[in-house]
Amino acid sequence: MDLPFELNSMVAVIQALQQHDVAVGVKDDSYYSKLPLQRRLISKTLQRLICFGYPKLLTSDTQCGLKGMNAAGKTVF
């Protein structure tokens, strides 16, 4: 299963929503350490392609499965 997020990751998103309309997860080294090598390589390659193709995007981690939004953020999407 490819869901190495822990409870503290979800709590961090909820806390971020108290100050922001949208919160997205960020995969750090602890996330990648729980994935097989092939999955790590695919993720890192995709991040680099996104950075190259969309240099003004505020995050390179568009594939992070952990996201949240409040009512105001919902209107954006």
C-alpha atoms as a PDB file:
ATOM      1  CA  MET A   1       0.000   0.000   0.000  1.00  0.00           C
ATOM      2  CA  ASP A   2       1.330   3.444  -0.962  1.00  0.00           C
ATOM      3  CA  LEU A   3       0.019   5.507   1.962  1.00  0.00           C
ATOM      4  CA  PRO A   4       2.873   6.147   4.383  1.00  0.00           C
ATOM      5  CA  PHE A   5       1.253   9.212   5.967  1.00  0.00           C
ATOM      6  CA  GLU A   6       0.963   9.144   9.724  1.00  0.00           C
ATOM      7  CA  LEU A   7      -1.570  10.711  12.049  1.00  0.00           C
ATOM      8  CA  ASN A   8       0.740  13.674  12.721  1.00  0.00           C
ATOM      9  CA  SER A   9       0.764  14.444   8.970  1.00  0.00           C
ATOM     10  CA  MET A  10      -3.014  14.688   8.944  1.00  0.00           C
ATOM     11  CA  VAL A  11      -3.020  16.820  12.095  1.00  0.00           C
ATOM     12  CA  ALA A  12      -0.543  19.205  10.444  1.00  0.00           C
ATOM     13  CA  VAL A  13      -2.892  19.679   7.471  1.00  0.00           C
ATOM     14  CA  ILE A  14      -5.830  20.373   9.798  1.00  0.00           C
ATOM     15  CA  GLN A  15      -3.748  22.913  11.730  1.00  0.00           C
ATOM     16  CA  ALA A  16      -2.628  24.604   8.514  1.00  0.00           C
ATOM     17  CA  LEU A  17      -6.275  25.044   7.519  1.00  0.00           C
ATOM     18  CA  GLN A  18      -6.785  27.267  10.544  1.00  0.00           C
ATOM     19  CA  GLN A  19      -4.567  29.872   8.861  1.00  0.00           C
ATOM     20  CA  HIS A  20      -4.877  29.019   5.156  1.00  0.00           C
ATOM     21  CA  ASP A  21      -7.703  28.121   2.790  1.00  0.00           C
ATOM     22  CA  VAL A  22      -5.843  25.233   1.144  1.00  0.00           C
ATOM     23  CA  ALA A  23      -3.192  22.901   2.566  1.00  0.00           C
ATOM     24  CA  VAL A  24      -1.220  20.310   0.663  1.00  0.00           C
ATOM     25  CA  GLY A  25       1.046  17.662   2.058  1.00  0.00           C
ATOM     26  CA  VAL A  26       4.741  17.627   1.368  1.00  0.00           C
ATOM     27  CA  LYS A  27       6.642  14.402   1.021  1.00  0.00           C
ATOM     28  CA  ASP A  28       9.881  14.575   2.987  1.00  0.00           C
ATOM     29  CA  ASP A  29      12.698  12.093   3.505  1.00  0.00           C
ATOM     30  CA  SER A  30      10.716  10.088   6.057  1.00  0.00           C
ATOM     31  CA  TYR A  31       7.967   9.567   3.457  1.00  0.00           C
ATOM     32  CA  TYR A  32      10.388   8.387   0.796  1.00  0.00           C
ATOM     33  CA  SER A  33      12.220   6.072   3.182  1.00  0.00           C
ATOM     34  CA  LYS A  34       9.046   3.981   3.430  1.00  0.00           C
ATOM     35  CA  LEU A  35       8.689   3.483  -0.320  1.00  0.00           C
ATOM     36  CA  PRO A  36      10.320   0.927  -2.599  1.00  0.00           C
ATOM     37  CA  LEU A  37      13.236   2.235  -4.686  1.00  0.00           C
ATOM     38  CA  GLN A  38      11.288   2.111  -7.964  1.00  0.00           C
ATOM     39  CA  ARG A  39       8.439   4.193  -6.499  1.00  0.00           C
ATOM     40  CA  ARG A  40      10.933   6.741  -5.095  1.00  0.00           C
ATOM     41  CA  LEU A  41      12.596   7.132  -8.484  1.00  0.00           C
ATOM     42  CA  ILE A  42       9.273   7.633 -10.241  1.00  0.00           C
ATOM     43  CA  SER A  43       8.162  10.264  -7.714  1.00  0.00           C
ATOM     44  CA  LYS A  44      11.445  12.185  -7.803  1.00  0.00           C
ATOM     45  CA  THR A  45      11.521  12.156 -11.611  1.00  0.00           C
ATOM     46  CA  LEU A  46       7.958  13.447 -11.794  1.00  0.00           C
ATOM     47  CA  GLN A  47       8.774  16.246  -9.332  1.00  0.00           C
ATOM     48  CA  ARG A  48      11.713  17.365 -11.452  1.00  0.00           C
ATOM     49  CA  LEU A  49       9.588  17.363 -14.604  1.00  0.00           C
ATOM     50  CA  ILE A  50       6.929  19.462 -12.891  1.00  0.00           C
ATOM     51  CA  CYS A  51       9.558  21.976 -11.699  1.00  0.00           C
ATOM     52  CA  PHE A  52      10.948  22.196 -15.217  1.00  0.00           C
ATOM     53  CA  GLY A  53       7.564  22.449 -16.951  1.00  0.00           C
ATOM     54  CA  TYR A  54       5.900  24.758 -14.432  1.00  0.00           C
ATOM     55  CA  PRO A  55       8.603  26.939 -12.851  1.00  0.00           C
ATOM     56  CA  LYS A  56       6.075  29.387 -11.326  1.00  0.00           C
ATOM     57  CA  LEU A  57       4.131  26.667  -9.517  1.00  0.00           C
ATOM     58  CA  LEU A  58       4.494  27.098  -5.753  1.00  0.00           C
ATOM     59  CA  THR A  59       5.039  23.374  -5.143  1.00  0.00           C
ATOM     60  CA  SER A  60       6.791  20.617  -7.045  1.00  0.00           C
ATOM     61  CA  ASP A  61       4.809  17.982  -5.193  1.00  0.00           C
ATOM     62  CA  THR A  62       1.478  17.954  -7.029  1.00  0.00           C
ATOM     63  CA  GLN A  63       1.076  14.217  -6.509  1.00  0.00           C
ATOM     64  CA  CYS A  64       1.024  14.260  -2.723  1.00  0.00           C
ATOM     65  CA  GLY A  65      -2.177  12.507  -1.723  1.00  0.00           C
ATOM     66  CA  LEU A  66      -2.646  14.513   1.456  1.00  0.00           C
ATOM     67  CA  LYS A  67      -4.640  17.689   0.813  1.00  0.00           C
ATOM     68  CA  GLY A  68      -7.253  19.737   2.606  1.00  0.00           C
ATOM     69  CA  MET A  69      -9.347  22.837   2.065  1.00  0.00           C
ATOM     70  CA  ASN A  70     -11.827  24.866   4.016  1.00  0.00           C
ATOM     71  CA  ALA A  71     -15.051  26.373   2.631  1.00  0.00           C
ATOM     72  CA  ALA A  72     -13.208  29.359   1.105  1.00  0.00           C
ATOM     73  CA  GLY A  73     -10.653  27.060  -0.523  1.00  0.00           C
ATOM     74  CA  LYS A  74     -13.446  24.936  -1.923  1.00  0.00           C
ATOM     75  CA  THR A  75     -14.760  27.860  -3.968  1.00  0.00           C
ATOM     76  CA  VAL A  76     -11.383  28.114  -5.728  1.00  0.00           C
ATOM     77  CA  PHE A  77     -11.661  24.549  -6.958  1.00  0.00           C
END
